[in-house]
Protein backbone atom coordinates (compact mmCIF):
# COMPACT_ATOMS: atom_id res chain seq x y z
CA MET A 1 -6.31 4.55 -19.31
CA ASN A 2 -8.89 5.44 -16.69
CA ARG A 3 -7.25 4.34 -13.46
CA ARG A 4 -10.51 3.57 -11.69
CA VAL A 5 -11.60 -0.02 -11.37
CA LEU A 6 -14.88 -1.79 -10.64
CA LEU A 7 -15.16 -4.16 -7.77
CA ILE A 8 -17.51 -7.00 -7.17
CA LEU A 9 -16.75 -8.43 -10.63
CA ALA A 10 -13.63 -6.71 -12.14
CA VAL A 11 -13.97 -4.44 -15.09
CA LEU A 12 -14.00 -7.16 -17.74
CA LEU A 13 -16.74 -9.17 -16.08
CA VAL A 14 -18.86 -6.17 -15.20
CA ASN A 15 -18.72 -5.10 -18.83
CA LEU A 16 -20.39 -8.38 -19.68
CA LEU A 17 -23.00 -8.33 -16.92
CA PRO A 18 -24.25 -4.76 -16.57
CA ALA A 19 -27.76 -5.92 -15.76
CA PHE A 20 -26.75 -8.34 -13.04
CA ALA A 21 -23.73 -6.87 -11.29
CA GLU A 22 -23.67 -4.09 -8.75
CA THR A 23 -20.50 -2.13 -9.40
CA ILE A 24 -18.53 -0.48 -6.68
CA VAL A 25 -15.93 1.91 -8.04
CA VAL A 26 -12.76 2.53 -6.09
CA PRO A 27 -9.47 4.05 -7.21
CA THR A 28 -6.66 1.69 -8.10
CA VAL A 29 -3.46 2.36 -6.21
CA GLY A 30 0.10 1.09 -6.22
CA GLN A 31 0.71 -2.01 -8.29
CA TYR A 32 -2.94 -2.23 -9.32
CA SER A 33 -2.69 1.08 -11.17
CA THR A 34 -0.20 -0.56 -13.55
CA ILE A 35 -2.68 -3.22 -14.73
CA ASP A 36 -3.92 -1.97 -18.08
CA THR A 37 -7.03 -3.79 -19.35
CA SER A 38 -8.11 -1.00 -21.71
CA ILE A 39 -7.44 -2.91 -24.95
CA ASP A 40 -9.44 -5.92 -23.83
CA ILE A 41 -12.25 -3.75 -22.48
CA GLN A 42 -12.50 -2.07 -25.89
CA LEU A 43 -12.59 -5.48 -27.59
CA ILE A 44 -15.46 -6.50 -25.32
CA GLU A 45 -17.33 -3.33 -26.21
CA ASP A 46 -16.75 -4.01 -29.92
CA LEU A 47 -17.91 -7.61 -29.57
CA LYS A 48 -21.13 -6.33 -27.99
CA SER A 49 -21.59 -3.65 -30.64
CA ALA A 50 -24.51 -3.59 -33.08
CA ASP A 51 -21.97 -2.48 -35.68
CA SER A 52 -21.13 -5.70 -37.53
CA THR A 53 -17.89 -4.26 -38.91
CA LYS A 54 -16.59 -3.50 -35.41
CA LYS A 55 -17.68 -6.91 -34.21
CA GLU A 56 -16.00 -8.79 -37.04
CA LYS A 57 -12.81 -6.76 -36.65
CA ALA A 58 -12.73 -7.58 -32.92
CA LEU A 59 -13.28 -11.28 -33.57
CA LYS A 60 -10.47 -11.33 -36.12
CA GLU A 61 -8.10 -9.55 -33.74
CA ILE A 62 -8.85 -12.04 -30.96
CA ILE A 63 -8.48 -15.12 -33.18
CA ASP A 64 -5.30 -13.82 -34.86
CA ASN A 65 -3.68 -12.73 -31.58
CA LEU A 66 -5.25 -15.00 -29.00
CA ASN A 67 -2.13 -15.19 -26.86
CA LYS A 68 -2.12 -11.41 -26.37
CA HIS A 69 -5.63 -11.14 -24.96
CA ASN A 70 -6.99 -11.98 -21.58
CA PRO A 71 -9.06 -15.18 -21.37
CA VAL A 72 -12.36 -13.44 -20.57
CA VAL A 73 -12.14 -12.00 -24.08
CA ALA A 74 -11.53 -15.50 -25.48
CA CYS A 75 -14.55 -16.86 -23.60
CA LEU A 76 -16.84 -14.12 -24.90
CA ALA A 77 -15.53 -14.48 -28.46
CA GLY A 78 -15.99 -18.25 -28.26
CA ASN A 79 -19.56 -17.79 -27.09
CA ILE A 80 -20.34 -15.42 -29.98
CA ILE A 81 -18.71 -17.67 -32.58
CA PHE A 82 -20.61 -20.65 -31.14
CA LYS A 83 -23.97 -18.89 -31.40
CA GLU A 84 -23.46 -17.05 -34.68
CA LYS A 85 -20.88 -18.89 -36.76
CA ASP A 86 -19.45 -22.32 -36.00
CA LYS A 87 -20.33 -24.32 -32.90
CA PHE A 88 -17.19 -26.46 -32.70
CA THR A 89 -14.82 -23.52 -33.25
CA GLY A 90 -16.64 -21.47 -30.64
CA LEU A 91 -16.63 -24.29 -28.11
CA ARG A 92 -12.91 -24.91 -28.63
CA LEU A 93 -12.13 -21.22 -28.13
CA TYR A 94 -14.25 -21.13 -24.99
CA PHE A 95 -12.35 -24.11 -23.56
CA ILE A 96 -9.02 -22.39 -24.30
CA GLY A 97 -10.28 -19.41 -22.35
CA ARG A 98 -11.37 -21.62 -19.45
CA LEU A 99 -7.96 -23.25 -19.24
CA ARG A 100 -6.27 -19.88 -19.13
CA VAL A 101 -8.64 -18.60 -16.48
CA THR A 102 -7.71 -21.65 -14.40
CA TYR A 103 -4.03 -20.90 -14.98
CA ASP A 104 -4.46 -17.26 -13.98
CA ILE A 105 -6.36 -18.20 -10.82
CA LEU A 106 -3.51 -20.49 -9.77
CA ARG A 107 -0.87 -17.87 -10.60
CA CYS A 108 -2.65 -15.21 -8.57
CA ALA A 109 -1.41 -14.57 -5.03
CA ASP A 110 -4.86 -13.34 -3.95
CA LYS A 111 -6.93 -16.45 -3.29
CA THR A 112 -10.19 -14.50 -3.17
CA VAL A 113 -10.28 -14.72 -7.00
CA GLN A 114 -10.85 -18.46 -7.01
CA ASP A 115 -14.51 -18.24 -8.01
CA THR A 116 -13.66 -16.52 -11.32
CA LEU A 117 -14.11 -19.65 -13.43
CA GLN A 118 -17.44 -20.35 -11.77
CA VAL A 119 -18.60 -16.81 -12.59
CA ILE A 120 -17.59 -17.21 -16.24
CA ASP A 121 -19.25 -20.61 -16.53
CA GLU A 122 -22.46 -19.21 -15.06
CA MET A 123 -22.31 -16.46 -17.70
CA PHE A 124 -21.64 -18.60 -20.74
CA GLY A 125 -21.98 -22.28 -19.86
CA PRO A 126 -25.74 -22.66 -20.37
CA ASP A 127 -25.42 -21.66 -24.05
CA PHE A 128 -23.22 -24.70 -24.71
CA LEU A 129 -25.06 -27.38 -22.75
CA ASN A 130 -27.54 -28.70 -25.34
CA TYR A 131 -24.82 -28.97 -27.96
CA ILE A 132 -22.40 -30.69 -25.57
CA ASN A 133 -25.04 -33.17 -24.42
CA SER A 134 -25.90 -34.19 -27.97
CA ASN A 135 -22.39 -34.02 -29.47
CA GLU A 136 -20.07 -35.86 -27.11
CA PRO A 137 -17.38 -36.57 -29.74
CA ASP A 138 -17.13 -32.87 -30.58
CA TYR A 139 -17.10 -32.00 -26.87
CA LYS A 140 -14.14 -34.32 -26.30
CA ARG A 141 -12.30 -33.19 -29.42
CA ALA A 142 -12.78 -29.51 -28.56
CA ASN A 143 -11.29 -30.13 -25.12
CA ILE A 144 -8.36 -32.11 -26.52
CA GLU A 145 -7.56 -29.39 -29.06
CA ALA A 146 -7.91 -26.69 -26.40
CA ILE A 147 -5.49 -28.54 -24.12
CA ASP A 148 -3.03 -28.90 -27.01
CA PHE A 149 -3.23 -25.17 -27.68
CA PHE A 150 -2.88 -24.27 -24.02
CA GLU A 151 0.13 -26.54 -23.63
CA SER A 152 1.97 -25.32 -26.72
CA ASN A 153 1.34 -21.56 -26.53
CA ASP A 154 2.66 -18.85 -24.25
CA GLU A 155 0.37 -16.38 -22.54
CA LEU A 156 1.49 -12.88 -23.57
CA TYR A 157 -1.24 -10.90 -21.80
CA ASP A 158 -0.92 -9.46 -18.30
CA GLN A 159 -2.18 -12.24 -16.03
CA ARG A 160 -2.72 -9.69 -13.26
CA TRP A 161 -6.09 -8.74 -14.78
CA ILE A 162 -7.53 -11.28 -12.37
CA ASN A 163 -6.16 -9.43 -9.35
CA LEU A 164 -8.69 -6.69 -10.04
CA ARG A 165 -11.36 -9.12 -8.84
CA GLY A 166 -9.61 -9.78 -5.55
CA MET A 167 -10.31 -8.35 -2.13
CA ALA A 168 -6.72 -7.11 -1.83
CA ALA A 169 -7.44 -4.64 -4.64
CA VAL A 170 -10.56 -3.51 -2.80
CA ARG A 171 -8.79 -3.07 0.53
CA GLU A 172 -5.94 -1.09 -0.95
CA GLY A 173 -8.26 1.02 -3.08
CA VAL A 174 -10.50 1.90 -0.16
CA SER A 175 -7.64 2.62 2.21
CA GLY A 176 -5.52 4.38 -0.37
CA LYS A 177 -2.51 2.61 1.10
CA PRO A 178 -0.66 0.49 -1.46
CA SER A 179 1.33 -2.51 -0.33
CA GLU A 180 4.32 -4.22 -1.89
CA ASN A 181 2.86 -7.71 -1.52
CA PRO A 182 3.37 -9.69 -4.74
CA LEU A 183 0.27 -9.97 -6.93
CA SER A 184 1.33 -13.31 -8.43
CA VAL A 185 3.11 -16.41 -7.23
CA PRO A 186 6.81 -16.55 -8.23
CA LYS A 187 7.32 -16.87 -11.98
CA LEU A 188 9.58 -19.88 -11.41
CA GLU A 189 6.45 -21.80 -10.35
CA TRP A 190 4.38 -21.02 -13.44
CA GLN A 191 5.71 -23.79 -15.66
CA GLU A 192 4.90 -26.42 -13.04
CA ILE A 193 1.42 -24.95 -12.51
CA LYS A 194 0.73 -25.18 -16.22
CA LYS A 195 2.08 -28.71 -16.40
CA LYS A 196 -0.23 -29.85 -13.60
CA ILE A 197 -3.26 -28.29 -15.28
CA VAL A 198 -2.45 -30.10 -18.52
CA GLU A 199 -1.91 -33.41 -16.72
CA SER A 200 -5.19 -33.04 -14.85
CA TYR A 201 -7.21 -32.31 -17.98
CA ARG A 202 -5.46 -35.05 -19.98
CA LYS A 203 -6.79 -37.61 -17.48
CA THR A 204 -10.33 -36.68 -18.50
CA PHE A 205 -9.59 -35.94 -22.15
CA PRO A 206 -6.68 -38.15 -23.24
CA LYS A 207 -5.28 -37.85 -26.70
CA PRO A 208 -6.71 -40.53 -29.02
């Protein structure tokens, strides 16, 4: 993997917004050099490809192995499915991605990544608005099913992808001086973080 990483929007987000993001490239050092996003970056490239075979193969991989892929990939795949295939399925997948982005933000020790969900919603949210506004039952059901999935599945991808957006990665890359500061909150806290996210969303979207 190329051990250089984009800053302003981390590699995954910059890959989606080449026309809007100014990229600053700095070397990854220390712990950051162990964060491998190459598989998900390739999936993003394939999803953006004009080659329909590549695109369909990438969509199938994401849907079949959703737990293995970072949530930015899920959000992009959901957006594509929504626009090109099935609106409800795409919306549900997008909401799963949003929940996992929220989870990754809260697991990240670098609090400068907290705008990540806002960035993703600004990218994709407008495409869903008309459908959501005119299909409230589907909007609620998609959220409920996304919460169910989030609650009952384990995240198998490297949640540290989100650290590549943080200012700590920038500082260490620019200085060339790696630190041993933890990139994530203690793993013992993750279950409680997830539980609180589920409880919060269930208040708005209770099971019928």
